[in-house]
Every structure is written in C-alpha cells, then in structure tokens.
Amino acid sequence: MKRILILVIFTASLAFGQTAKPRLATLAQQKMCAEQARKTFHENSHPLRPSFIEWDYTSHYDTKSNQCFLMTADIDDDGVWIDVVDAFELREYASFMTLNKGIVGDCTINRPGHPHELCNSDEEFYTLVDKYFGIGR
C-alpha cells in the first residue's frame, strides 16, 4: 500500500510539472504564420512612401491562443505607427502612435474579453504586447 501511494504521488507530480511547461510552436506552425504575415503585410499595408525611414513587420505564432500575430512598424519623418493584428482575420489587438516630437498620440491594447488598456510610452507598449501576445521587441 505504501509503494502504491508513493507511486501515485510521484506520477501526479510528474504530470503536474509537464502541464506547467509552455507549449512551443512547431516549425510548421511558425512557417505557416510567417507566410501569412508576409502575405497580409504586403497586401494590406499602404505602399512605401519616399518619407518612410522604416517599413517592416514581424510575426509570432502563439500556441496558447492558436493565433498568428503580425506586428507592423511604419516610421517616417512625422512619427511612428505600430500595430498588432491577427494575420488571418486582421483583427487589431494593439496600436501605438507617436509624433516626431515624442508625443504619444495613441497607445492602446485590446484583448478580447478584457477592458481596453491604455499605455503611455513605447516601452510600456512593447512590454504589454510581449506579455499578452508574445510579440514584443
């Protein structure tokens, strides 16, 4: 009886430890997300203007939500615009905009089922999108 109890406790502790580990995206999921993000970025972003300094994107497949996130960054002489969207549905989850003088015009996080969160700086924005969507800097 003592051996069975020890075995049950040991097995339960192993099972608990395994569920606490985060799932990693497979290579197939990462590839699918990267391809969709590239397609979405090029089909839905405005054309590159001469005043642009940077026009880029990054993607991240989140296994918890089973979503592909796309973060776009447009930087020009007038300011910075950053958006986080679902690469398939184009639903916006976060946006950041600042003018060239460093004045934050928009810093919003929109998680489904949660109230909108406002932020005050690019650093706070990146921290929150990394925390909620895994796609920070």
Protein backbone atom coordinates (compact mmCIF):
# COMPACT_ATOMS: atom_id res chain seq x y z
CA MET A 1 0.00 0.00 0.00
CA LYS A 2 2.86 2.37 0.84
CA ARG A 3 4.51 1.71 -2.54
CA ILE A 4 1.29 2.42 -4.41
CA LEU A 5 0.79 5.72 -2.56
CA ILE A 6 4.36 6.81 -3.32
CA LEU A 7 3.92 5.84 -6.99
CA VAL A 8 0.66 7.82 -7.23
CA ILE A 9 2.25 10.91 -5.66
CA PHE A 10 5.31 10.63 -7.92
CA THR A 11 3.18 10.19 -11.05
CA ALA A 12 0.93 13.11 -10.11
CA SER A 13 3.94 15.37 -9.53
CA LEU A 14 5.36 14.44 -12.94
CA ALA A 15 2.05 15.15 -14.66
CA PHE A 16 1.72 18.49 -12.88
CA GLY A 17 5.23 19.52 -13.88
CA GLN A 18 4.54 18.68 -17.52
CA THR A 19 1.41 20.80 -17.74
CA ALA A 20 3.20 23.82 -16.30
CA LYS A 21 5.65 23.99 -19.25
CA PRO A 22 4.62 26.30 -22.09
CA ARG A 23 3.95 24.67 -25.44
CA LEU A 24 6.30 25.70 -28.20
CA ALA A 25 5.12 26.31 -31.72
CA THR A 26 6.08 23.62 -34.20
CA LEU A 27 8.17 24.52 -37.23
CA ALA A 28 5.08 24.01 -39.40
CA GLN A 29 3.06 26.47 -37.26
CA GLN A 30 5.87 29.02 -37.32
CA LYS A 31 6.26 28.68 -41.11
CA MET A 32 2.50 28.97 -41.70
CA CYS A 33 2.39 32.09 -39.53
CA ALA A 34 5.42 33.68 -41.18
CA GLU A 35 3.97 33.09 -44.66
CA GLN A 36 0.57 34.50 -43.72
CA ALA A 37 2.15 37.51 -42.00
CA ARG A 38 4.24 38.29 -45.10
CA LYS A 39 1.17 37.98 -47.34
CA THR A 40 -1.01 40.12 -45.05
CA PHE A 41 1.68 42.76 -44.66
CA HIS A 42 2.20 43.20 -48.39
CA GLU A 43 -1.49 43.02 -49.33
CA ASN A 44 -2.87 45.29 -46.59
CA SER A 45 -0.15 47.82 -45.85
CA HIS A 46 0.00 51.12 -47.65
CA PRO A 47 2.68 51.47 -50.32
CA LEU A 48 6.09 52.69 -49.28
CA ARG A 49 6.34 56.47 -49.48
CA PRO A 50 9.62 58.36 -50.01
CA SER A 51 9.38 59.86 -46.49
CA PHE A 52 9.49 56.43 -44.83
CA ILE A 53 12.57 55.64 -42.81
CA GLU A 54 11.44 52.12 -41.91
CA TRP A 55 8.53 49.96 -43.04
CA ASP A 56 8.72 46.47 -41.58
CA TYR A 57 6.88 43.67 -39.84
CA THR A 58 7.40 40.67 -37.59
CA SER A 59 5.24 37.67 -36.82
CA HIS A 60 4.68 35.31 -33.91
CA TYR A 61 2.58 32.15 -33.61
CA ASP A 62 1.07 31.94 -30.12
CA THR A 63 0.26 28.36 -29.09
CA LYS A 64 -1.91 29.42 -26.14
CA SER A 65 -4.39 31.31 -28.28
CA ASN A 66 -3.69 29.38 -31.52
CA GLN A 67 -3.21 32.69 -33.32
CA CYS A 68 -0.73 34.21 -35.70
CA PHE A 69 0.12 37.77 -34.69
CA LEU A 70 1.56 40.34 -37.06
CA MET A 71 3.25 43.49 -35.78
CA THR A 72 3.83 46.24 -38.34
CA ALA A 73 6.04 49.27 -37.85
CA ASP A 74 5.89 52.39 -40.02
CA ILE A 75 8.43 55.07 -39.18
CA ASP A 76 8.75 58.29 -41.13
CA ASP A 77 9.66 61.94 -40.62
CA ASP A 78 6.28 62.59 -38.96
CA GLY A 79 6.30 59.82 -36.35
CA VAL A 80 5.92 56.12 -35.56
CA TRP A 81 2.92 53.84 -36.12
CA ILE A 82 2.91 50.30 -34.74
CA ASP A 83 0.00 47.85 -34.93
CA VAL A 84 -0.52 44.28 -33.73
CA VAL A 85 -3.16 42.32 -35.63
CA ASP A 86 -4.26 38.74 -36.21
CA ALA A 87 -2.54 37.89 -39.50
CA PHE A 88 -5.54 35.88 -40.75
CA GLU A 89 -8.54 37.86 -39.50
CA LEU A 90 -6.92 41.34 -39.47
CA ARG A 91 -8.44 41.98 -36.04
CA GLU A 92 -6.45 44.72 -34.33
CA TYR A 93 -5.17 43.96 -30.83
CA ALA A 94 -2.78 46.81 -30.14
CA SER A 95 -1.79 50.15 -31.60
CA PHE A 96 0.84 52.75 -30.87
CA MET A 97 1.40 56.13 -32.50
CA THR A 98 3.78 58.89 -31.60
CA LEU A 99 4.60 62.15 -33.34
CA ASN A 100 8.16 63.14 -34.22
CA LYS A 101 8.40 65.28 -31.11
CA GLY A 102 7.85 62.19 -28.95
CA ILE A 103 4.23 63.00 -28.11
CA VAL A 104 2.23 59.77 -27.72
CA GLY A 105 -1.00 60.06 -29.71
CA ASP A 106 -2.25 56.51 -29.22
CA CYS A 107 -1.17 53.59 -27.08
CA THR A 108 -3.93 51.01 -26.75
CA ILE A 109 -4.10 47.28 -26.03
CA ASN A 110 -7.34 45.48 -26.99
CA ARG A 111 -7.59 41.94 -25.63
CA PRO A 112 -10.84 40.06 -26.23
CA GLY A 113 -12.90 39.82 -23.06
CA HIS A 114 -10.85 42.49 -21.25
CA PRO A 115 -11.26 46.24 -20.97
CA HIS A 116 -9.07 48.34 -23.26
CA GLU A 117 -5.73 49.17 -21.70
CA LEU A 118 -4.02 52.45 -22.31
CA CYS A 119 -0.27 52.91 -22.13
CA ASN A 120 1.95 55.97 -22.03
CA SER A 121 5.17 55.09 -23.83
CA ASP A 122 6.70 52.86 -26.47
CA GLU A 123 8.47 50.88 -23.76
CA GLU A 124 5.20 50.20 -21.96
CA PHE A 125 3.57 49.28 -25.29
CA TYR A 126 6.29 46.75 -26.13
CA THR A 127 6.14 45.27 -22.63
CA LEU A 128 2.36 44.76 -22.84
CA VAL A 129 2.31 43.29 -26.36
CA ASP A 130 5.09 40.91 -25.38
CA LYS A 131 3.19 39.91 -22.24
CA TYR A 132 -0.18 39.40 -23.94
CA PHE A 133 0.76 38.38 -27.49
CA GLY A 134 4.38 37.22 -27.29
CA ILE A 135 5.45 39.63 -29.98
CA GLY A 136 7.40 42.35 -28.21
CA ARG A 137 10.79 43.54 -29.32
